[in-house]
């Protein structure tokens, strides 16, 4: 798969600094090709699209994915943010913002599964969604939805007015 690549920041340094300091390099990348691109017009569309990232492990451990969208809500990339245990995982807002910036996204949809099958959001689910929404607003990117997915159904925090 192709990835969004970060140009080598060290190439832009003056010659005398190149030998003494190295630019910070990182390898995080959002997947931007070799996946089905489509327009997302509803939480149902988002749920059906994001479901492709989950396999039988949807019953085993919690995983967080983001869907990256352009201004017309067409998918331009996705990324797996984390994978945890049976009852939780870590969501790093900085990493999500990094993916969104690198892909020049205008919108982000975050989704995670609940292996228990319960679609109700926990207080932590609501808190991280609000924190992410605020962080993305600073860089002019919208958090369009935060979703909880189970093997049979889904819950949209946006549809319910939580975010």
Protein backbone atom coordinates (compact mmCIF):
# COMPACT_ATOMS: atom_id res chain seq x y z
CA UNK A 1 0.00 0.00 0.00
CA UNK A 2 1.10 3.53 -0.64
CA UNK A 3 1.47 5.79 2.34
CA UNK A 4 1.54 9.49 2.89
CA UNK A 5 5.21 10.28 3.14
CA UNK A 6 6.88 13.01 5.12
CA UNK A 7 9.69 14.78 3.27
CA UNK A 8 13.04 14.55 4.96
CA UNK A 9 13.13 17.71 7.06
CA UNK A 10 16.92 17.36 7.29
CA UNK A 11 17.22 18.22 3.57
CA UNK A 12 15.94 21.72 4.36
CA UNK A 13 18.52 22.46 7.06
CA UNK A 14 21.56 24.64 6.40
CA UNK A 15 24.66 22.58 5.57
CA UNK A 16 26.38 23.32 8.89
CA UNK A 17 23.40 22.02 10.89
CA UNK A 18 23.03 18.81 8.92
CA UNK A 19 26.17 17.35 10.42
CA UNK A 20 25.31 18.25 14.03
CA UNK A 21 21.55 17.77 14.32
CA UNK A 22 19.25 15.28 12.74
CA UNK A 23 15.63 16.11 12.08
CA UNK A 24 13.09 14.01 13.90
CA UNK A 25 11.79 11.32 11.63
CA UNK A 26 8.76 9.14 12.14
CA UNK A 27 7.10 6.42 10.20
CA UNK A 28 3.41 6.83 10.96
CA UNK A 29 1.39 6.91 7.79
CA UNK A 30 -2.23 6.84 6.75
CA UNK A 31 -3.26 4.43 4.02
CA UNK A 32 -4.25 6.45 0.97
CA UNK A 33 -4.55 4.00 -1.88
CA UNK A 34 -5.58 0.46 -2.66
CA UNK A 35 -8.81 0.76 -0.74
CA UNK A 36 -12.35 1.41 -1.83
CA UNK A 37 -13.05 5.13 -1.95
CA UNK A 38 -16.60 6.33 -1.38
CA UNK A 39 -18.65 9.27 -0.25
CA UNK A 40 -19.85 9.08 3.36
CA UNK A 41 -23.27 10.72 3.76
CA UNK A 42 -24.52 9.19 7.01
CA UNK A 43 -23.50 7.24 10.08
CA UNK A 44 -24.86 4.14 8.35
CA UNK A 45 -22.46 4.70 5.43
CA UNK A 46 -19.57 5.21 7.86
CA UNK A 47 -20.49 2.07 9.82
CA UNK A 48 -20.69 -0.09 6.70
CA UNK A 49 -17.37 1.27 5.44
CA UNK A 50 -15.48 0.97 8.74
CA UNK A 51 -16.77 -2.56 9.36
CA UNK A 52 -14.33 -3.80 6.69
CA UNK A 53 -11.44 -3.08 9.09
CA UNK A 54 -12.74 -5.50 11.72
CA UNK A 55 -12.57 -9.27 11.44
CA UNK A 56 -13.40 -12.02 13.91
CA UNK A 57 -11.29 -10.13 16.45
CA UNK A 58 -14.21 -7.72 16.94
CA UNK A 59 -15.22 -10.09 19.78
CA UNK A 60 -11.76 -10.31 21.33
CA UNK A 61 -10.17 -6.90 21.82
CA UNK A 62 -10.91 -3.22 21.38
CA UNK A 63 -9.43 -1.48 18.34
CA UNK A 64 -9.66 2.14 17.22
CA UNK A 65 -9.66 3.23 13.57
CA UNK A 66 -10.05 6.62 11.94
CA UNK A 67 -11.51 7.38 8.56
CA UNK A 68 -10.07 10.45 6.80
CA UNK A 69 -12.32 12.47 4.52
CA UNK A 70 -11.93 15.36 2.09
CA UNK A 71 -14.18 18.42 1.99
CA UNK A 72 -16.88 16.57 0.03
CA UNK A 73 -16.80 13.64 2.52
CA UNK A 74 -15.06 11.23 0.16
CA UNK A 75 -12.71 8.80 1.87
CA UNK A 76 -9.04 9.63 1.34
CA UNK A 77 -7.46 7.36 3.93
CA UNK A 78 -7.73 5.40 7.12
CA UNK A 79 -5.48 4.40 9.98
CA UNK A 80 -5.52 1.94 12.84
CA UNK A 81 -4.82 4.04 15.94
CA UNK A 82 -4.62 1.37 18.60
CA UNK A 83 -5.45 -2.13 19.71
CA UNK A 84 -5.98 -2.96 23.35
CA UNK A 85 -7.54 -5.55 25.58
CA UNK A 86 -11.06 -6.83 26.06
CA UNK A 87 -12.26 -3.72 27.88
CA UNK A 88 -10.21 -0.79 26.61
CA UNK A 89 -7.45 0.72 24.49
CA UNK A 90 -5.42 3.91 24.35
CA UNK A 91 -6.39 6.74 22.01
CA UNK A 92 -3.61 9.25 21.40
CA UNK A 93 -5.12 12.50 20.11
CA UNK A 94 -1.74 13.68 18.78
CA UNK A 95 -1.43 10.65 16.52
CA UNK A 96 -4.93 11.19 15.12
CA UNK A 97 -4.14 14.86 14.46
CA UNK A 98 -0.89 13.84 12.75
CA UNK A 99 -2.73 11.49 10.38
CA UNK A 100 -5.36 14.14 9.65
CA UNK A 101 -2.75 16.79 8.87
CA UNK A 102 -0.58 14.50 6.73
CA UNK A 103 -3.56 13.51 4.60
CA UNK A 104 -4.88 17.10 4.41
CA UNK A 105 -8.20 15.83 5.71
CA UNK A 106 -11.14 18.11 6.24
CA UNK A 107 -13.02 15.58 8.33
CA UNK A 108 -12.32 12.60 10.57
CA UNK A 109 -14.56 9.80 11.78
CA UNK A 110 -13.26 7.78 14.72
CA UNK A 111 -14.60 4.31 15.43
CA UNK A 112 -13.90 1.64 17.98
CA UNK A 113 -15.49 -1.65 18.86
CA UNK A 114 -16.88 -2.98 22.12
CA UNK A 115 -16.16 -6.73 22.31
CA UNK A 116 -18.94 -7.02 24.92
CA UNK A 117 -21.54 -6.20 22.26
CA UNK A 118 -22.79 -3.20 24.25
CA UNK A 119 -23.12 -0.12 22.04
CA UNK A 120 -23.60 2.37 24.88
CA UNK A 121 -20.68 4.81 25.19
CA UNK A 122 -18.73 4.87 28.44
CA UNK A 123 -17.85 8.19 30.11
CA UNK A 124 -14.32 7.66 28.73
CA UNK A 125 -15.70 7.22 25.19
CA UNK A 126 -17.53 10.54 25.48
CA UNK A 127 -14.54 12.28 27.04
CA UNK A 128 -12.00 11.24 24.38
CA UNK A 129 -14.45 12.12 21.60
CA UNK A 130 -14.94 15.63 23.00
CA UNK A 131 -11.17 16.04 23.51
CA UNK A 132 -10.48 14.94 19.93
CA UNK A 133 -13.16 17.24 18.54
CA UNK A 134 -11.61 20.22 20.34
CA UNK A 135 -8.08 19.35 19.22
CA UNK A 136 -9.08 18.94 15.58
CA UNK A 137 -10.97 22.25 15.63
CA UNK A 138 -7.66 24.02 16.34
CA UNK A 139 -6.35 22.80 12.99
CA UNK A 140 -9.58 23.42 11.08
CA UNK A 141 -10.55 19.75 10.80
CA UNK A 142 -13.98 18.48 11.82
CA UNK A 143 -14.62 15.41 13.92
CA UNK A 144 -17.69 14.28 12.00
CA UNK A 145 -18.51 11.31 14.19
CA UNK A 146 -17.28 8.97 16.87
CA UNK A 147 -18.77 5.53 16.60
CA UNK A 148 -19.00 2.35 18.63
CA UNK A 149 -19.25 -0.82 16.57
CA UNK A 150 -20.27 -4.30 17.63
CA UNK A 151 -20.73 -7.45 15.59
CA UNK A 152 -24.42 -6.65 15.03
CA UNK A 153 -24.96 -2.90 15.39
CA UNK A 154 -23.41 0.51 15.92
CA UNK A 155 -23.87 3.70 17.90
CA UNK A 156 -23.11 7.19 16.61
CA UNK A 157 -22.24 9.89 19.13
CA UNK A 158 -22.98 12.51 16.43
CA UNK A 159 -26.46 11.11 15.69
CA UNK A 160 -27.22 11.20 19.41
CA UNK A 161 -25.94 14.79 19.80
CA UNK A 162 -23.13 13.83 22.19
CA UNK A 163 -20.47 15.49 20.02
